[in-house]
PDB file of N, CA and C in Angstrom:
ATOM      1  N   MET A   1       4.633   7.862  10.751  1.00  0.00           N
ATOM      2  CA  MET A   1       5.699   8.741   9.939  1.00  0.00           C
ATOM      3  C   MET A   1       6.045   7.638   8.709  1.00  0.00           C
ATOM      4  N   ASP A   2       6.252   8.480   7.758  1.00  0.00           N
ATOM      5  CA  ASP A   2       6.763   7.984   6.802  1.00  0.00           C
ATOM      6  C   ASP A   2       8.260   7.798   7.022  1.00  0.00           C
ATOM      7  N   ASN A   3       9.232   7.147   6.025  1.00  0.00           N
ATOM      8  CA  ASN A   3      10.636   7.060   6.201  1.00  0.00           C
ATOM      9  C   ASN A   3      11.232   8.136   5.768  1.00  0.00           C
ATOM     10  N   TYR A   4      10.254   9.509   5.262  1.00  0.00           N
ATOM     11  CA  TYR A   4      11.214  10.644   4.909  1.00  0.00           C
ATOM     12  C   TYR A   4      12.005  11.148   6.016  1.00  0.00           C
ATOM     13  N   ALA A   5      12.945  11.927   5.668  1.00  0.00           N
ATOM     14  CA  ALA A   5      14.172  12.595   6.452  1.00  0.00           C
ATOM     15  C   ALA A   5      13.712  13.445   7.371  1.00  0.00           C
ATOM     16  N   ALA A   6      12.688  14.257   7.161  1.00  0.00           N
ATOM     17  CA  ALA A   6      12.502  15.575   7.789  1.00  0.00           C
ATOM     18  C   ALA A   6      12.209  15.511   9.099  1.00  0.00           C
ATOM     19  N   HIS A   7      11.874  14.336   9.780  1.00  0.00           N
ATOM     20  CA  HIS A   7      11.569  14.304  10.977  1.00  0.00           C
ATOM     21  C   HIS A   7      12.770  13.660  11.596  1.00  0.00           C
ATOM     22  N   LYS A   8      13.869  13.611  11.057  1.00  0.00           N
ATOM     23  CA  LYS A   8      15.115  12.914  11.580  1.00  0.00           C
ATOM     24  C   LYS A   8      16.097  13.915  12.145  1.00  0.00           C
ATOM     25  N   THR A   9      15.824  14.988  11.871  1.00  0.00           N
ATOM     26  CA  THR A   9      16.554  16.484  12.412  1.00  0.00           C
ATOM     27  C   THR A   9      16.668  16.406  13.762  1.00  0.00           C
ATOM     28  N   THR A  10      17.979  17.026  14.296  1.00  0.00           N
ATOM     29  CA  THR A  10      18.490  17.461  15.594  1.00  0.00           C
ATOM     30  C   THR A  10      17.099  17.763  16.469  1.00  0.00           C
ATOM     31  N   ASP A  11      16.524  18.960  15.682  1.00  0.00           N
ATOM     32  CA  ASP A  11      15.140  19.354  16.492  1.00  0.00           C
ATOM     33  C   ASP A  11      14.277  18.788  16.932  1.00  0.00           C
ATOM     34  N   VAL A  12      13.814  18.031  15.794  1.00  0.00           N
ATOM     35  CA  VAL A  12      12.585  17.050  16.426  1.00  0.00           C
ATOM     36  C   VAL A  12      13.412  15.946  17.056  1.00  0.00           C
ATOM     37  N   ASN A  13      14.369  15.475  16.758  1.00  0.00           N
ATOM     38  CA  ASN A  13      14.787  14.524  18.063  1.00  0.00           C
ATOM     39  C   ASN A  13      14.890  14.963  19.303  1.00  0.00           C
ATOM     40  N   ALA A  14      15.182  16.069  19.684  1.00  0.00           N
ATOM     41  CA  ALA A  14      15.073  16.858  20.964  1.00  0.00           C
ATOM     42  C   ALA A  14      13.879  16.778  21.369  1.00  0.00           C
ATOM     43  N   TRP A  15      12.933  17.388  20.542  1.00  0.00           N
ATOM     44  CA  TRP A  15      11.462  17.650  20.954  1.00  0.00           C
ATOM     45  C   TRP A  15      11.166  16.288  21.357  1.00  0.00           C
ATOM     46  N   LEU A  16      11.420  15.213  20.490  1.00  0.00           N
ATOM     47  CA  LEU A  16      10.895  13.759  21.127  1.00  0.00           C
ATOM     48  C   LEU A  16      11.266  13.409  22.305  1.00  0.00           C
ATOM     49  N   GLU A  17      12.365  13.685  22.588  1.00  0.00           N
ATOM     50  CA  GLU A  17      12.977  13.305  23.946  1.00  0.00           C
ATOM     51  C   GLU A  17      12.421  14.012  24.909  1.00  0.00           C
ATOM     52  N   GLY A  18      11.986  15.313  24.831  1.00  0.00           N
ATOM     53  CA  GLY A  18      11.330  16.032  26.200  1.00  0.00           C
ATOM     54  C   GLY A  18      10.029  15.674  26.130  1.00  0.00           C
ATOM     55  N   HIS A  19       9.594  15.105  25.053  1.00  0.00           N
ATOM     56  CA  HIS A  19       8.057  14.752  25.177  1.00  0.00           C
ATOM     57  C   HIS A  19       7.755  13.069  24.924  1.00  0.00           C
ATOM     58  N   PRO A  20       8.328  12.376  26.365  1.00  0.00           N
ATOM     59  CA  PRO A  20       8.340  10.992  26.018  1.00  0.00           C
ATOM     60  C   PRO A  20       6.885  10.153  25.944  1.00  0.00           C
ATOM     61  N   ARG A  21       5.772  10.999  26.144  1.00  0.00           N
ATOM     62  CA  ARG A  21       4.650  10.352  25.886  1.00  0.00           C
ATOM     63  C   ARG A  21       4.381   9.999  24.499  1.00  0.00           C
ATOM     64  N   ILE A  22       5.240  10.807  23.577  1.00  0.00           N
ATOM     65  CA  ILE A  22       4.774  10.674  22.036  1.00  0.00           C
ATOM     66  C   ILE A  22       5.683   9.597  21.510  1.00  0.00           C
ATOM     67  N   ARG A  23       5.042   8.313  20.949  1.00  0.00           N
ATOM     68  CA  ARG A  23       5.799   7.470  20.385  1.00  0.00           C
ATOM     69  C   ARG A  23       5.626   7.474  18.962  1.00  0.00           C
ATOM     70  N   VAL A  24       6.707   7.388  18.315  1.00  0.00           N
ATOM     71  CA  VAL A  24       6.979   7.222  17.061  1.00  0.00           C
ATOM     72  C   VAL A  24       7.078   6.037  16.280  1.00  0.00           C
ATOM     73  N   HIS A  25       6.196   6.007  15.052  1.00  0.00           N
ATOM     74  CA  HIS A  25       5.907   4.890  14.586  1.00  0.00           C
ATOM     75  C   HIS A  25       6.039   5.030  13.074  1.00  0.00           C
ATOM     76  N   PHE A  26       7.050   3.958  12.510  1.00  0.00           N
ATOM     77  CA  PHE A  26       7.269   4.210  10.891  1.00  0.00           C
ATOM     78  C   PHE A  26       6.454   3.198  10.064  1.00  0.00           C
ATOM     79  N   THR A  27       5.929   3.779   9.211  1.00  0.00           N
ATOM     80  CA  THR A  27       5.476   3.072   8.109  1.00  0.00           C
ATOM     81  C   THR A  27       6.733   1.932   7.195  1.00  0.00           C
ATOM     82  N   PRO A  28       5.899   1.056   6.967  1.00  0.00           N
ATOM     83  CA  PRO A  28       6.999   0.529   5.695  1.00  0.00           C
ATOM     84  C   PRO A  28       7.396   1.111   4.450  1.00  0.00           C
ATOM     85  N   THR A  29       8.531   1.209   4.182  1.00  0.00           N
ATOM     86  CA  THR A  29       8.707   1.520   2.871  1.00  0.00           C
ATOM     87  C   THR A  29       7.816   1.003   1.639  1.00  0.00           C
ATOM     88  N   SER A  30       7.168   1.747   0.936  1.00  0.00           N
ATOM     89  CA  SER A  30       6.589   1.039  -0.347  1.00  0.00           C
ATOM     90  C   SER A  30       5.327   0.909   0.245  1.00  0.00           C
ATOM     91  N   ALA A  31       4.660   1.165   1.202  1.00  0.00           N
ATOM     92  CA  ALA A  31       3.211   1.058   1.737  1.00  0.00           C
ATOM     93  C   ALA A  31       2.321   1.662   0.999  1.00  0.00           C
ATOM     94  N   SER A  32       2.042   1.809  -0.391  1.00  0.00           N
ATOM     95  CA  SER A  32       1.178   2.567  -1.189  1.00  0.00           C
ATOM     96  C   SER A  32      -0.059   2.585  -0.845  1.00  0.00           C
ATOM     97  N   TRP A  33      -0.631   1.669   0.119  1.00  0.00           N
ATOM     98  CA  TRP A  33      -2.088   1.942   0.178  1.00  0.00           C
ATOM     99  C   TRP A  33      -2.214   3.083   1.350  1.00  0.00           C
ATOM    100  N   LEU A  34      -0.903   3.524   2.031  1.00  0.00           N
ATOM    101  CA  LEU A  34      -0.970   4.592   2.902  1.00  0.00           C
ATOM    102  C   LEU A  34      -1.475   5.884   2.332  1.00  0.00           C
ATOM    103  N   ASN A  35      -0.888   6.020   0.868  1.00  0.00           N
ATOM    104  CA  ASN A  35      -1.348   7.066  -0.014  1.00  0.00           C
ATOM    105  C   ASN A  35      -2.893   7.455   0.165  1.00  0.00           C
ATOM    106  N   LEU A  36      -3.691   6.252  -0.151  1.00  0.00           N
ATOM    107  CA  LEU A  36      -4.628   6.460  -0.023  1.00  0.00           C
ATOM    108  C   LEU A  36      -5.121   6.986   1.289  1.00  0.00           C
ATOM    109  N   VAL A  37      -4.889   6.622   2.528  1.00  0.00           N
ATOM    110  CA  VAL A  37      -5.072   7.504   3.872  1.00  0.00           C
ATOM    111  C   VAL A  37      -4.901   8.954   3.924  1.00  0.00           C
ATOM    112  N   GLU A  38      -3.695   9.329   3.274  1.00  0.00           N
ATOM    113  CA  GLU A  38      -3.034  10.574   2.895  1.00  0.00           C
ATOM    114  C   GLU A  38      -3.924  11.633   2.165  1.00  0.00           C
ATOM    115  N   THR A  39      -4.703  10.926   1.175  1.00  0.00           N
ATOM    116  CA  THR A  39      -5.623  11.551   0.047  1.00  0.00           C
ATOM    117  C   THR A  39      -6.844  11.736   0.875  1.00  0.00           C
ATOM    118  N   TRP A  40      -7.285  10.659   1.702  1.00  0.00           N
ATOM    119  CA  TRP A  40      -8.746  11.069   2.346  1.00  0.00           C
ATOM    120  C   TRP A  40      -8.499  12.162   3.085  1.00  0.00           C
ATOM    121  N   PHE A  41      -7.171  12.402   4.152  1.00  0.00           N
ATOM    122  CA  PHE A  41      -7.104  13.739   5.464  1.00  0.00           C
ATOM    123  C   PHE A  41      -6.878  14.680   4.171  1.00  0.00           C
ATOM    124  N   ALA A  42      -6.599  14.669   3.150  1.00  0.00           N
ATOM    125  CA  ALA A  42      -6.393  15.965   2.411  1.00  0.00           C
ATOM    126  C   ALA A  42      -7.756  16.312   1.402  1.00  0.00           C
ATOM    127  N   ILE A  43      -8.677  15.615   1.328  1.00  0.00           N
ATOM    128  CA  ILE A  43      -9.849  15.875   0.929  1.00  0.00           C
ATOM    129  C   ILE A  43     -10.772  16.502   2.114  1.00  0.00           C
ATOM    130  N   ILE A  44     -10.439  15.822   3.167  1.00  0.00           N
ATOM    131  CA  ILE A  44     -11.069  16.687   4.625  1.00  0.00           C
ATOM    132  C   ILE A  44     -10.674  17.832   4.814  1.00  0.00           C
ATOM    133  N   GLU A  45      -9.121  18.463   4.869  1.00  0.00           N
ATOM    134  CA  GLU A  45      -8.717  19.328   4.987  1.00  0.00           C
ATOM    135  C   GLU A  45      -8.862  20.523   4.301  1.00  0.00           C
ATOM    136  N   ARG A  46      -9.103  20.283   2.868  1.00  0.00           N
ATOM    137  CA  ARG A  46      -9.764  21.193   1.779  1.00  0.00           C
ATOM    138  C   ARG A  46     -10.967  21.361   1.730  1.00  0.00           C
ATOM    139  N   GLN A  47     -11.740  20.361   1.692  1.00  0.00           N
ATOM    140  CA  GLN A  47     -13.383  20.751   1.901  1.00  0.00           C
ATOM    141  C   GLN A  47     -13.937  20.933   3.122  1.00  0.00           C
ATOM    142  N   ALA A  48     -13.418  20.456   4.427  1.00  0.00           N
ATOM    143  CA  ALA A  48     -14.127  20.999   5.711  1.00  0.00           C
ATOM    144  C   ALA A  48     -13.099  21.629   6.690  1.00  0.00           C
ATOM    145  N   ILE A  49     -11.980  22.035   6.390  1.00  0.00           N
ATOM    146  CA  ILE A  49     -11.498  22.910   7.609  1.00  0.00           C
ATOM    147  C   ILE A  49     -10.466  23.749   7.031  1.00  0.00           C
ATOM    148  N   HIS A  50     -10.265  24.028   6.010  1.00  0.00           N
ATOM    149  CA  HIS A  50      -9.430  24.751   5.192  1.00  0.00           C
ATOM    150  C   HIS A  50      -9.802  26.315   5.367  1.00  0.00           C
ATOM    151  N   ARG A  51      -9.104  26.821   6.050  1.00  0.00           N
ATOM    152  CA  ARG A  51      -9.674  28.563   6.175  1.00  0.00           C
ATOM    153  C   ARG A  51     -10.398  28.665   7.265  1.00  0.00           C
ATOM    154  N   GLY A  52     -11.156  27.486   7.651  1.00  0.00           N
ATOM    155  CA  GLY A  52     -11.921  27.503   9.167  1.00  0.00           C
ATOM    156  C   GLY A  52     -11.157  28.272  10.505  1.00  0.00           C
ATOM    157  N   THR A  53     -12.397  28.670  10.834  1.00  0.00           N
ATOM    158  CA  THR A  53     -11.753  29.142  12.453  1.00  0.00           C
ATOM    159  C   THR A  53     -12.574  28.321  13.225  1.00  0.00           C
ATOM    160  N   PHE A  54     -11.946  27.725  14.084  1.00  0.00           N
ATOM    161  CA  PHE A  54     -12.423  26.609  15.375  1.00  0.00           C
ATOM    162  C   PHE A  54     -11.977  27.123  16.708  1.00  0.00           C
ATOM    163  N   ARG A  55     -12.753  27.390  17.345  1.00  0.00           N
ATOM    164  CA  ARG A  55     -12.490  28.004  18.457  1.00  0.00           C
ATOM    165  C   ARG A  55     -12.321  26.799  19.748  1.00  0.00           C
ATOM    166  N   SER A  56     -12.477  26.043  19.547  1.00  0.00           N
ATOM    167  CA  SER A  56     -11.800  24.686  20.014  1.00  0.00           C
ATOM    168  C   SER A  56     -11.881  23.541  19.403  1.00  0.00           C
ATOM    169  N   MET A  57     -11.147  22.280  20.072  1.00  0.00           N
ATOM    170  CA  MET A  57     -11.599  20.952  19.537  1.00  0.00           C
ATOM    171  C   MET A  57     -12.817  20.481  19.171  1.00  0.00           C
ATOM    172  N   ARG A  58     -13.764  20.671  20.101  1.00  0.00           N
ATOM    173  CA  ARG A  58     -15.289  20.611  19.846  1.00  0.00           C
ATOM    174  C   ARG A  58     -15.842  21.068  18.340  1.00  0.00           C
ATOM    175  N   GLU A  59     -15.351  22.183  18.091  1.00  0.00           N
ATOM    176  CA  GLU A  59     -16.002  22.813  16.849  1.00  0.00           C
ATOM    177  C   GLU A  59     -15.102  22.044  15.590  1.00  0.00           C
ATOM    178  N   LEU A  60     -13.897  21.557  15.772  1.00  0.00           N
ATOM    179  CA  LEU A  60     -13.031  21.005  14.985  1.00  0.00           C
ATOM    180  C   LEU A  60     -13.742  19.950  14.444  1.00  0.00           C
ATOM    181  N   THR A  61     -13.905  19.005  15.633  1.00  0.00           N
ATOM    182  CA  THR A  61     -14.451  17.643  15.371  1.00  0.00           C
ATOM    183  C   THR A  61     -15.674  17.726  14.903  1.00  0.00           C
ATOM    184  N   GLN A  62     -16.586  18.546  15.082  1.00  0.00           N
ATOM    185  CA  GLN A  62     -17.808  18.639  14.785  1.00  0.00           C
ATOM    186  C   GLN A  62     -17.766  19.129  13.050  1.00  0.00           C
ATOM    187  N   ALA A  63     -17.057  19.889  12.935  1.00  0.00           N
ATOM    188  CA  ALA A  63     -16.905  20.303  11.305  1.00  0.00           C
ATOM    189  C   ALA A  63     -16.231  18.878  10.753  1.00  0.00           C
ATOM    190  N   VAL A  64     -15.395  18.346  11.234  1.00  0.00           N
ATOM    191  CA  VAL A  64     -15.033  16.849  10.364  1.00  0.00           C
ATOM    192  C   VAL A  64     -16.322  16.009  10.261  1.00  0.00           C
ATOM    193  N   ARG A  65     -16.732  15.848  11.260  1.00  0.00           N
ATOM    194  CA  ARG A  65     -17.825  14.683  11.523  1.00  0.00           C
ATOM    195  C   ARG A  65     -18.824  15.100  10.683  1.00  0.00           C
ATOM    196  N   ALA A  66     -19.239  16.299  10.527  1.00  0.00           N
ATOM    197  CA  ALA A  66     -20.233  16.998   9.505  1.00  0.00           C
ATOM    198  C   ALA A  66     -20.055  16.498   8.139  1.00  0.00           C
ATOM    199  N   PHE A  67     -18.782  16.864   7.903  1.00  0.00           N
ATOM    200  CA  PHE A  67     -18.497  16.369   6.396  1.00  0.00           C
ATOM    201  C   PHE A  67     -18.440  14.924   6.258  1.00  0.00           C
ATOM    202  N   ILE A  68     -17.800  14.190   7.092  1.00  0.00           N
ATOM    203  CA  ILE A  68     -17.788  12.705   6.717  1.00  0.00           C
ATOM    204  C   ILE A  68     -19.251  12.220   6.627  1.00  0.00           C
ATOM    205  N   THR A  69     -20.274  12.652   7.439  1.00  0.00           N
ATOM    206  CA  THR A  69     -21.735  12.409   7.410  1.00  0.00           C
ATOM    207  C   THR A  69     -22.145  12.652   6.319  1.00  0.00           C
ATOM    208  N   GLY A  70     -21.969  13.935   5.862  1.00  0.00           N
ATOM    209  CA  GLY A  70     -22.667  14.375   4.508  1.00  0.00           C
ATOM    210  C   GLY A  70     -21.998  13.713   3.224  1.00  0.00           C
ATOM    211  N   SER A  71     -20.835  13.163   3.433  1.00  0.00           N
ATOM    212  CA  SER A  71     -20.033  12.824   2.340  1.00  0.00           C
ATOM    213  C   SER A  71     -20.456  11.286   2.155  1.00  0.00           C
ATOM    214  N   ASN A  72     -20.586  10.522   3.314  1.00  0.00           N
ATOM    215  CA  ASN A  72     -20.880   8.896   3.103  1.00  0.00           C
ATOM    216  C   ASN A  72     -21.720   8.717   1.967  1.00  0.00           C
ATOM    217  N   PRO A  73     -23.004   9.304   2.075  1.00  0.00           N
ATOM    218  CA  PRO A  73     -23.951   8.872   1.017  1.00  0.00           C
ATOM    219  C   PRO A  73     -23.557   9.046  -0.302  1.00  0.00           C
ATOM    220  N   ARG A  74     -22.501   9.969  -0.659  1.00  0.00           N
ATOM    221  CA  ARG A  74     -22.168   9.589  -1.901  1.00  0.00           C
ATOM    222  C   ARG A  74     -20.639   9.086  -2.184  1.00  0.00           C
ATOM    223  N   ALA A  75     -20.243   8.446  -1.187  1.00  0.00           N
ATOM    224  CA  ALA A  75     -18.873   7.763  -1.086  1.00  0.00           C
ATOM    225  C   ALA A  75     -18.664   6.875  -2.159  1.00  0.00           C
ATOM    226  N   THR A  76     -17.462   6.929  -2.781  1.00  0.00           N
ATOM    227  CA  THR A  76     -16.949   5.987  -3.242  1.00  0.00           C
ATOM    228  C   THR A  76     -15.511   5.119  -2.709  1.00  0.00           C
ATOM    229  N   SER A  77     -15.192   4.004  -3.256  1.00  0.00           N
ATOM    230  CA  SER A  77     -13.912   3.205  -2.630  1.00  0.00           C
ATOM    231  C   SER A  77     -12.991   3.764  -3.313  1.00  0.00           C
ATOM    232  N   PHE A  78     -12.024   4.202  -2.365  1.00  0.00           N
ATOM    233  CA  PHE A  78     -10.539   4.209  -3.161  1.00  0.00           C
ATOM    234  C   PHE A  78     -10.118   3.122  -3.630  1.00  0.00           C
ATOM    235  N   LEU A  79      -9.600   2.604  -4.623  1.00  0.00           N
ATOM    236  CA  LEU A  79      -8.859   1.692  -5.093  1.00  0.00           C
ATOM    237  C   LEU A  79      -7.172   1.652  -5.837  1.00  0.00           C
ATOM    238  N   SER A  80      -6.576   0.836  -4.998  1.00  0.00           N
ATOM    239  CA  SER A  80      -5.245   0.845  -5.520  1.00  0.00           C
ATOM    240  C   SER A  80      -5.343   0.335  -6.886  1.00  0.00           C
ATOM    241  N   THR A  81      -4.573   0.992  -7.656  1.00  0.00           N
ATOM    242  CA  THR A  81      -4.081   0.657  -9.020  1.00  0.00           C
ATOM    243  C   THR A  81      -3.268  -0.334  -9.563  1.00  0.00           C
ATOM    244  N   GLN A  82      -2.243  -0.524  -8.760  1.00  0.00           N
ATOM    245  CA  GLN A  82      -1.007  -1.568  -8.541  1.00  0.00           C
ATOM    246  C   GLN A  82      -1.827  -2.852  -8.212  1.00  0.00           C
ATOM    247  N   ASP A  83      -1.011  -3.741  -8.750  1.00  0.00           N
ATOM    248  CA  ASP A  83      -1.127  -5.567  -8.522  1.00  0.00           C
ATOM    249  C   ASP A  83      -0.286  -5.596  -7.740  1.00  0.00           C
ATOM    250  N   ALA A  84      -0.391  -6.874  -6.925  1.00  0.00           N
ATOM    251  CA  ALA A  84       0.512  -7.458  -5.968  1.00  0.00           C
ATOM    252  C   ALA A  84       1.855  -7.282  -6.826  1.00  0.00           C
ATOM    253  N   ASP A  85       2.010  -7.744  -8.102  1.00  0.00           N
ATOM    254  CA  ASP A  85       3.557  -8.056  -8.421  1.00  0.00           C
ATOM    255  C   ASP A  85       4.095  -6.846  -8.829  1.00  0.00           C
ATOM    256  N   THR A  86       3.564  -5.735  -8.925  1.00  0.00           N
ATOM    257  CA  THR A  86       4.279  -4.425  -9.238  1.00  0.00           C
ATOM    258  C   THR A  86       4.518  -3.923  -7.964  1.00  0.00           C
ATOM    259  N   ILE A  87       3.758  -4.178  -6.634  1.00  0.00           N
ATOM    260  CA  ILE A  87       4.019  -3.593  -5.308  1.00  0.00           C
ATOM    261  C   ILE A  87       5.548  -4.416  -5.031  1.00  0.00           C
ATOM    262  N   ILE A  88       5.276  -5.679  -5.193  1.00  0.00           N
ATOM    263  CA  ILE A  88       6.170  -6.612  -4.560  1.00  0.00           C
ATOM    264  C   ILE A  88       7.817  -6.292  -5.194  1.00  0.00           C
ATOM    265  N   ALA A  89       7.590  -6.107  -6.966  1.00  0.00           N
ATOM    266  CA  ALA A  89       8.825  -5.548  -7.600  1.00  0.00           C
ATOM    267  C   ALA A  89       9.519  -4.323  -7.129  1.00  0.00           C
ATOM    268  N   GLN A  90       8.612  -3.118  -6.710  1.00  0.00           N
ATOM    269  CA  GLN A  90       8.831  -1.790  -6.085  1.00  0.00           C
ATOM    270  C   GLN A  90       9.766  -2.060  -4.716  1.00  0.00           C
ATOM    271  N   ILE A  91       9.211  -2.924  -3.635  1.00  0.00           N
ATOM    272  CA  ILE A  91       9.798  -3.363  -2.401  1.00  0.00           C
ATOM    273  C   ILE A  91      11.033  -3.959  -2.743  1.00  0.00           C
ATOM    274  N   ASP A  92      11.270  -4.810  -3.748  1.00  0.00           N
ATOM    275  CA  ASP A  92      12.475  -5.376  -3.967  1.00  0.00           C
ATOM    276  C   ASP A  92      13.532  -4.266  -4.572  1.00  0.00           C
ATOM    277  N   ARG A  93      13.245  -3.628  -5.584  1.00  0.00           N
ATOM    278  CA  ARG A  93      14.087  -2.658  -6.147  1.00  0.00           C
ATOM    279  C   ARG A  93      14.533  -1.537  -4.963  1.00  0.00           C
ATOM    280  N   ASN A  94      13.587  -1.274  -3.843  1.00  0.00           N
ATOM    281  CA  ASN A  94      14.020  -0.120  -2.854  1.00  0.00           C
ATOM    282  C   ASN A  94      14.901  -1.274  -1.946  1.00  0.00           C
ATOM    283  N   ARG A  95      14.994  -2.291  -2.030  1.00  0.00           N
ATOM    284  CA  ARG A  95      16.136  -3.127  -1.225  1.00  0.00           C
ATOM    285  C   ARG A  95      17.444  -3.199  -1.772  1.00  0.00           C
ATOM    286  N   THR A  96      17.665  -2.775  -3.106  1.00  0.00           N
ATOM    287  CA  THR A  96      18.882  -3.138  -3.834  1.00  0.00           C
ATOM    288  C   THR A  96      19.566  -1.702  -3.312  1.00  0.00           C
ATOM    289  N   PRO A  97      20.971  -1.958  -2.814  1.00  0.00           N
ATOM    290  CA  PRO A  97      21.549  -0.734  -2.556  1.00  0.00           C
ATOM    291  C   PRO A  97      21.874   0.276  -3.343  1.00  0.00           C
ATOM    292  N   PRO A  98      21.650   1.570  -3.209  1.00  0.00           N
ATOM    293  CA  PRO A  98      21.607   2.742  -4.312  1.00  0.00           C
ATOM    294  C   PRO A  98      23.643   2.731  -4.863  1.00  0.00           C
ATOM    295  N   ILE A  99      23.385   2.915  -5.984  1.00  0.00           N
ATOM    296  CA  ILE A  99      24.507   3.183  -6.524  1.00  0.00           C
ATOM    297  C   ILE A  99      25.313   4.795  -6.275  1.00  0.00           C
ATOM    298  N   GLY A 100      26.533   4.425  -5.632  1.00  0.00           N
ATOM    299  CA  GLY A 100      27.332   5.932  -5.403  1.00  0.00           C
ATOM    300  C   GLY A 100      27.325   6.915  -6.294  1.00  0.00           C
ATOM    301  N   HIS A 101      27.297   8.419  -6.449  1.00  0.00           N
ATOM    302  CA  HIS A 101      27.549   9.197  -7.409  1.00  0.00           C
ATOM    303  C   HIS A 101      28.282  10.100  -6.881  1.00  0.00           C
TER     304      HIS A 101
END
């Protein structure tokens, strides 16, 4: 999970307590490389499964695998456009206590 507060509600916490096999792992703040992972999942959703009808997990899995197999020959790398100094500056900025409003 990211550090967004939507998953910190009372309802979500109660659900998690009722499902002890589910473990929550938080990603680091400013983990911009994860945006690329989210982008990949968004592409799969839009191009492979959006508005699809899947009668089983097997059908869903087959659709995703077929998409990946078809896209691999024309795949290009996702590249981060930020250099290390910019990323470190963002991390340092996020550690600064917020000014009260």
